[in-house]
């Protein structure tokens, strides 16, 4: 899907119900709010959309009945059916929507070409496009994500804090992010223009971790959302200082975007059930829980067209919230 979403698709997208998860939480966290004061002219230096394709989530070990079941419960989830063209379409649509919302909120948005042709960025190299990262999610969870940039921007730049990678490969990316941050700050100071950096991480599943026995497992539901903690907007002011607004409650879109199936084999389920029963009997006999735990595998298949609509809408909702908060800091 190389073209942006059609008007009909957008109308259908807007008709979908929306929910912001964890409503009891503050939806954003703002760092350096004073640094955004008075900044009305900006340019977008980075806009990256990441797509999670694989995640492993786990509960902490729990005692259960008399300490019988004490193992760690894991859910391994995998998304299939999303093509590079689909991800590029979502990224391009999300970027165009972001710039439109930014302009509508009263910011003067300068062409990105002014930034990328400036001497301050002469030695700044793009990250790989697309950029694959093994990411560290919340405690006990990890995943694999692929990041795309809009076609309108010549380079994929990230600054420190845009991602939390795991493994040795992240060292080089962190160095490149530091160099990009210095270059963007130099441009902001020399041009007297605010530079905006945006990163959204799109997830395909929602995990619910009950505090009951470990055999209850992790309930995994399909959906599309902009994740908390890994999605944010950064404004680098002409002073070189930053205002950072981070999403703290996942922005989820409800709809038929993805089909979910339990991919655990019958053998896996039988072995795990037997192990858990053995652990329970051992505890009852006073031998202590054997802590086998449980592992479930889930396969998610994206529905072409519907997935792009859901992901684009989630990004649009995130943009509306973040731009609204940023504008209020002026």
Protein backbone atom coordinates (compact mmCIF):
# COMPACT_ATOMS: atom_id res chain seq x y z
CA UNK A 1 0.00 0.00 0.00
CA UNK A 2 2.27 2.73 -1.32
CA UNK A 3 -0.28 5.55 -1.38
CA UNK A 4 -1.72 7.40 1.59
CA UNK A 5 -5.06 6.31 2.94
CA UNK A 6 -8.01 7.31 0.79
CA UNK A 7 -10.69 9.72 1.96
CA UNK A 8 -13.14 6.84 2.27
CA UNK A 9 -10.66 4.91 4.40
CA UNK A 10 -10.07 7.92 6.61
CA UNK A 11 -13.82 8.37 7.14
CA UNK A 12 -14.14 4.71 8.03
CA UNK A 13 -11.17 5.04 10.34
CA UNK A 14 -12.72 7.95 12.20
CA UNK A 15 -15.88 5.92 12.78
CA UNK A 16 -13.99 3.40 14.91
CA UNK A 17 -14.41 3.62 18.70
CA UNK A 18 -11.37 4.81 20.62
CA UNK A 19 -10.10 4.07 24.11
CA UNK A 20 -7.17 5.44 26.09
CA UNK A 21 -5.88 2.65 28.30
CA UNK A 22 -5.07 3.09 31.95
CA UNK A 23 -7.24 6.16 32.35
CA UNK A 24 -6.33 6.42 35.99
CA UNK A 25 -2.80 7.39 34.96
CA UNK A 26 -1.69 10.85 33.92
CA UNK A 27 -1.65 10.60 30.10
CA UNK A 28 1.67 12.41 29.64
CA UNK A 29 4.86 13.31 31.48
CA UNK A 30 6.46 16.68 30.72
CA UNK A 31 10.15 17.42 31.27
CA UNK A 32 11.56 20.93 30.82
CA UNK A 33 8.24 22.69 30.18
CA UNK A 34 9.75 26.18 30.49
CA UNK A 35 12.04 25.51 27.54
CA UNK A 36 9.10 25.56 25.12
CA UNK A 37 7.92 29.02 26.16
CA UNK A 38 7.92 31.53 23.32
CA UNK A 39 8.83 29.01 20.60
CA UNK A 40 6.41 29.47 17.70
CA UNK A 41 8.55 28.71 14.63
CA UNK A 42 9.67 25.10 14.22
CA UNK A 43 10.88 22.49 11.79
CA UNK A 44 10.58 18.71 12.03
CA UNK A 45 14.00 17.09 12.20
CA UNK A 46 12.88 13.55 12.95
CA UNK A 47 9.61 11.65 12.80
CA UNK A 48 9.93 7.92 13.32
CA UNK A 49 7.24 5.27 13.63
CA UNK A 50 8.23 1.92 15.07
CA UNK A 51 6.23 -1.28 14.64
CA UNK A 52 6.53 -4.09 17.19
CA UNK A 53 6.59 -7.49 15.48
CA UNK A 54 7.53 -9.77 18.31
CA UNK A 55 7.24 -9.53 22.07
CA UNK A 56 7.80 -11.75 25.07
CA UNK A 57 5.92 -10.75 28.21
CA UNK A 58 6.02 -12.43 31.57
CA UNK A 59 4.56 -12.21 35.03
CA UNK A 60 6.65 -12.41 38.15
CA UNK A 61 6.72 -15.80 39.83
CA UNK A 62 3.76 -16.16 42.17
CA UNK A 63 3.05 -18.60 44.96
CA UNK A 64 -0.48 -19.60 44.17
CA UNK A 65 -2.14 -22.17 46.40
CA UNK A 66 0.33 -22.97 49.23
CA UNK A 67 3.18 -21.97 46.91
CA UNK A 68 2.20 -24.70 44.51
CA UNK A 69 2.52 -23.04 41.20
CA UNK A 70 5.30 -20.43 41.67
CA UNK A 71 6.58 -20.42 38.08
CA UNK A 72 6.90 -17.49 35.75
CA UNK A 73 4.17 -17.16 33.14
CA UNK A 74 5.25 -16.06 29.67
CA UNK A 75 3.37 -14.97 26.56
CA UNK A 76 5.23 -14.96 23.26
CA UNK A 77 3.43 -12.94 20.59
CA UNK A 78 4.25 -12.49 16.92
CA UNK A 79 2.68 -10.25 14.27
CA UNK A 80 2.64 -11.32 10.62
CA UNK A 81 1.17 -9.90 7.45
CA UNK A 82 2.52 -6.34 7.71
CA UNK A 83 4.54 -5.43 4.62
CA UNK A 84 7.15 -2.67 4.22
CA UNK A 85 4.68 -0.84 1.99
CA UNK A 86 2.05 -0.90 4.73
CA UNK A 87 4.48 0.47 7.32
CA UNK A 88 5.68 3.20 4.96
CA UNK A 89 2.08 4.18 4.21
CA UNK A 90 1.28 4.47 7.92
CA UNK A 91 4.42 6.53 8.55
CA UNK A 92 3.78 8.90 5.63
CA UNK A 93 0.14 9.39 6.62
CA UNK A 94 1.04 9.93 10.29
CA UNK A 95 3.70 12.50 9.35
CA UNK A 96 1.40 14.45 7.03
CA UNK A 97 -1.27 14.48 9.73
CA UNK A 98 1.24 15.62 12.36
CA UNK A 99 2.48 18.55 10.28
CA UNK A 100 -1.11 19.57 9.49
CA UNK A 101 -2.06 19.49 13.18
CA UNK A 102 1.11 21.40 14.11
CA UNK A 103 0.28 24.16 11.62
CA UNK A 104 -3.36 24.25 12.69
CA UNK A 105 -2.29 24.77 16.30
CA UNK A 106 -0.54 28.02 15.40
CA UNK A 107 3.05 26.95 14.79
CA UNK A 108 4.94 28.23 11.74
CA UNK A 109 6.43 25.04 10.27
CA UNK A 110 9.51 25.60 8.11
CA UNK A 111 10.48 23.16 5.33
CA UNK A 112 12.64 20.27 6.49
CA UNK A 113 14.98 21.01 3.58
CA UNK A 114 16.15 24.15 5.39
CA UNK A 115 17.35 21.97 8.26
CA UNK A 116 18.93 19.14 6.32
CA UNK A 117 20.80 21.47 3.96
CA UNK A 118 22.32 23.43 6.87
CA UNK A 119 26.02 23.09 7.67
CA UNK A 120 25.18 21.89 11.19
CA UNK A 121 23.97 18.58 9.75
CA UNK A 122 26.67 18.18 7.11
CA UNK A 123 28.38 15.32 8.95
CA UNK A 124 25.25 13.77 10.46
CA UNK A 125 24.55 10.32 9.07
CA UNK A 126 21.18 8.64 8.87
CA UNK A 127 20.45 5.52 10.86
CA UNK A 128 19.58 2.43 8.80
CA UNK A 129 16.28 2.71 6.92
CA UNK A 130 14.30 0.82 8.03
CA UNK A 131 15.88 0.50 11.47
CA UNK A 132 15.53 -2.82 13.31
CA UNK A 133 15.95 -2.67 17.09
CA UNK A 134 15.75 -5.27 19.84
CA UNK A 135 13.90 -3.20 22.40
CA UNK A 136 13.64 -3.52 26.16
CA UNK A 137 10.00 -2.98 27.07
CA UNK A 138 8.67 -2.94 30.61
CA UNK A 139 10.36 -5.05 33.27
CA UNK A 140 10.32 -8.67 32.25
CA UNK A 141 9.34 -7.91 28.66
CA UNK A 142 11.26 -7.50 25.44
CA UNK A 143 10.46 -7.18 21.78
CA UNK A 144 11.61 -6.56 18.23
CA UNK A 145 10.60 -3.41 16.37
CA UNK A 146 11.20 -1.88 12.96
CA UNK A 147 11.29 1.91 12.60
CA UNK A 148 10.40 3.87 9.47
CA UNK A 149 10.85 7.53 8.54
CA UNK A 150 8.53 9.56 6.29
CA UNK A 151 9.39 9.71 2.60
CA UNK A 152 9.47 13.51 2.98
CA UNK A 153 12.52 13.41 5.28
CA UNK A 154 15.93 12.48 3.83
CA UNK A 155 17.33 10.84 6.96
CA UNK A 156 16.21 8.72 9.88
CA UNK A 157 17.59 10.48 12.93
CA UNK A 158 17.07 9.59 16.57
CA UNK A 159 18.19 11.37 19.71
CA UNK A 160 18.95 9.88 23.14
CA UNK A 161 15.77 8.64 24.80
CA UNK A 162 13.92 7.89 21.57
CA UNK A 163 14.45 4.17 22.07
CA UNK A 164 15.65 1.76 24.72
CA UNK A 165 17.55 -0.92 22.89
CA UNK A 166 19.03 -4.14 24.19
CA UNK A 167 22.20 -5.90 23.09
CA UNK A 168 25.59 -4.79 21.81
CA UNK A 169 24.18 -3.36 18.58
CA UNK A 170 22.53 -0.57 20.56
CA UNK A 171 25.90 0.96 21.42
CA UNK A 172 26.48 2.25 17.89
CA UNK A 173 22.92 3.52 17.64
CA UNK A 174 23.27 5.38 20.92
CA UNK A 175 26.43 7.09 19.68
CA UNK A 176 24.69 8.11 16.45
CA UNK A 177 21.75 9.42 18.48
CA UNK A 178 24.08 11.56 20.57
CA UNK A 179 25.69 13.02 17.46
CA UNK A 180 22.29 13.78 15.93
CA UNK A 181 21.18 15.55 19.10
CA UNK A 182 24.24 17.80 19.01
CA UNK A 183 23.68 18.60 15.33
CA UNK A 184 19.99 19.42 15.79
CA UNK A 185 20.75 21.59 18.82
CA UNK A 186 23.43 23.45 16.86
CA UNK A 187 20.95 24.16 14.07
CA UNK A 188 18.31 25.34 16.54
CA UNK A 189 20.75 27.81 18.08
CA UNK A 190 22.17 29.10 14.79
CA UNK A 191 18.85 29.36 12.95
CA UNK A 192 16.79 30.54 15.93
CA UNK A 193 14.23 27.84 15.15
CA UNK A 194 12.77 25.09 17.32
CA UNK A 195 13.49 21.55 16.12
CA UNK A 196 10.91 18.83 16.72
CA UNK A 197 11.71 15.14 17.13
CA UNK A 198 8.86 12.61 17.28
CA UNK A 199 8.86 8.88 17.87
CA UNK A 200 5.82 6.59 18.05
CA UNK A 201 5.95 2.88 18.83
CA UNK A 202 2.95 0.92 17.53
CA UNK A 203 2.01 -2.28 19.37
CA UNK A 204 -0.33 -5.01 18.17
CA UNK A 205 -1.33 -6.66 21.44
CA UNK A 206 -2.47 -5.77 24.92
CA UNK A 207 -1.33 -7.84 27.87
CA UNK A 208 -3.27 -8.09 31.13
CA UNK A 209 -1.38 -9.57 34.03
CA UNK A 210 -3.73 -10.80 36.79
CA UNK A 211 -2.41 -11.18 40.33
CA UNK A 212 -4.01 -14.62 40.66
CA UNK A 213 -2.29 -18.01 40.46
CA UNK A 214 0.46 -18.30 37.87
CA UNK A 215 -1.50 -20.94 35.97
CA UNK A 216 -4.00 -18.18 35.10
CA UNK A 217 -1.37 -16.94 32.67
CA UNK A 218 -1.30 -13.69 30.75
CA UNK A 219 -4.40 -12.64 28.86
CA UNK A 220 -3.34 -11.25 25.49
CA UNK A 221 -5.81 -9.30 23.38
CA UNK A 222 -5.35 -8.03 19.84
CA UNK A 223 -5.52 -4.33 19.06
CA UNK A 224 -3.51 -1.38 17.79
CA UNK A 225 -2.00 1.18 20.13
CA UNK A 226 0.67 3.82 20.54
CA UNK A 227 2.68 2.52 23.47
CA UNK A 228 3.36 4.37 26.69
CA UNK A 229 6.91 5.39 27.66
CA UNK A 230 8.32 4.70 24.18
CA UNK A 231 6.33 7.35 22.31
CA UNK A 232 7.13 11.04 22.74
CA UNK A 233 7.74 14.47 21.24
CA UNK A 234 10.87 16.51 21.91
CA UNK A 235 11.20 20.21 21.18
CA UNK A 236 14.78 21.48 20.96
CA UNK A 237 14.42 25.20 21.57
CA UNK A 238 16.67 27.91 20.05
CA UNK A 239 18.43 27.94 23.42
CA UNK A 240 19.49 24.34 22.80
CA UNK A 241 17.43 23.16 25.76
CA UNK A 242 14.70 20.55 25.43
CA UNK A 243 11.06 20.09 26.34
CA UNK A 244 10.06 16.44 26.27
CA UNK A 245 6.47 15.20 26.43
CA UNK A 246 6.16 11.43 26.86
CA UNK A 247 3.02 9.33 26.45
CA UNK A 248 2.34 7.60 29.78
CA UNK A 249 -0.94 5.80 29.03
CA UNK A 250 -1.24 3.66 25.86
CA UNK A 251 -3.49 5.17 23.21
CA UNK A 252 -5.48 2.22 21.88
CA UNK A 253 -7.86 2.00 18.95
CA UNK A 254 -10.56 -0.65 19.03
CA UNK A 255 -11.55 -2.42 15.85
CA UNK A 256 -11.11 -5.49 13.65
CA UNK A 257 -7.52 -4.76 12.66
CA UNK A 258 -5.81 -8.00 13.63
CA UNK A 259 -6.78 -11.65 14.00
CA UNK A 260 -5.40 -13.48 17.04
CA UNK A 261 -4.81 -17.20 17.42
CA UNK A 262 -3.25 -19.37 20.11
CA UNK A 263 -0.14 -20.76 18.41
CA UNK A 264 0.86 -23.05 21.28
CA UNK A 265 1.02 -26.67 20.17
CA UNK A 266 -1.10 -29.34 21.81
CA UNK A 267 2.07 -31.02 23.07
CA UNK A 268 3.28 -27.78 24.68
CA UNK A 269 -0.03 -27.32 26.46
CA UNK A 270 -0.11 -30.92 27.70
CA UNK A 271 3.45 -30.81 29.03
CA UNK A 272 2.88 -27.51 30.79
CA UNK A 273 -0.38 -28.67 32.35
CA UNK A 274 1.26 -31.86 33.61
CA UNK A 275 4.19 -29.89 35.04
CA UNK A 276 1.91 -27.45 36.83
CA UNK A 277 -0.17 -30.24 38.36
CA UNK A 278 3.05 -31.93 39.54
CA UNK A 279 4.12 -28.68 41.14
CA UNK A 280 0.81 -28.41 42.94
CA UNK A 281 0.95 -31.97 44.27
CA UNK A 282 4.53 -31.42 45.45
CA UNK A 283 3.46 -28.35 47.40
CA UNK A 284 0.53 -30.14 48.99
CA UNK A 285 2.92 -32.91 50.04
CA UNK A 286 5.10 -30.31 51.73
CA UNK A 287 7.88 -30.50 49.15
CA UNK A 288 7.52 -26.92 47.97
CA UNK A 289 6.38 -25.66 44.61
CA UNK A 290 8.36 -26.84 41.63
CA UNK A 291 7.77 -23.54 39.81
CA UNK A 292 7.22 -24.83 36.29
CA UNK A 293 5.14 -21.84 35.21
CA UNK A 294 3.54 -21.68 31.81
CA UNK A 295 4.32 -20.44 28.30
CA UNK A 296 1.79 -19.51 25.64
CA UNK A 297 2.46 -18.53 22.05
CA UNK A 298 0.10 -16.20 20.19
CA UNK A 299 0.02 -15.49 16.46
CA UNK A 300 -1.42 -12.19 15.23
CA UNK A 301 -2.26 -11.65 11.57
CA UNK A 302 -2.77 -8.09 10.35
CA UNK A 303 -5.72 -7.36 8.09
CA UNK A 304 -4.49 -5.31 5.09
CA UNK A 305 -6.17 -1.92 4.93
CA UNK A 306 -7.70 -2.21 8.38
CA UNK A 307 -4.32 -2.43 10.12
CA UNK A 308 -3.04 0.73 8.42
CA UNK A 309 -6.22 2.59 9.33
CA UNK A 310 -5.96 1.59 12.97
CA UNK A 311 -2.26 2.40 13.27
CA UNK A 312 -2.67 5.76 11.52
CA UNK A 313 -5.59 6.71 13.73
CA UNK A 314 -3.67 5.79 16.88
CA UNK A 315 -0.77 7.98 15.72
CA UNK A 316 -3.15 10.84 14.92
CA UNK A 317 -4.66 10.66 18.40
CA UNK A 318 -1.18 10.69 19.93
CA UNK A 319 -0.26 13.72 17.80
CA UNK A 320 -3.37 15.59 18.88
CA UNK A 321 -2.60 14.99 22.54
CA UNK A 322 1.10 15.82 22.34
CA UNK A 323 0.70 18.91 20.15
CA UNK A 324 -2.05 20.14 22.45
CA UNK A 325 0.23 19.83 25.47
CA UNK A 326 3.17 21.40 23.62
CA UNK A 327 1.08 24.33 22.44
CA UNK A 328 -0.05 25.02 25.98
CA UNK A 329 3.59 25.49 27.01
CA UNK A 330 4.08 28.44 24.67
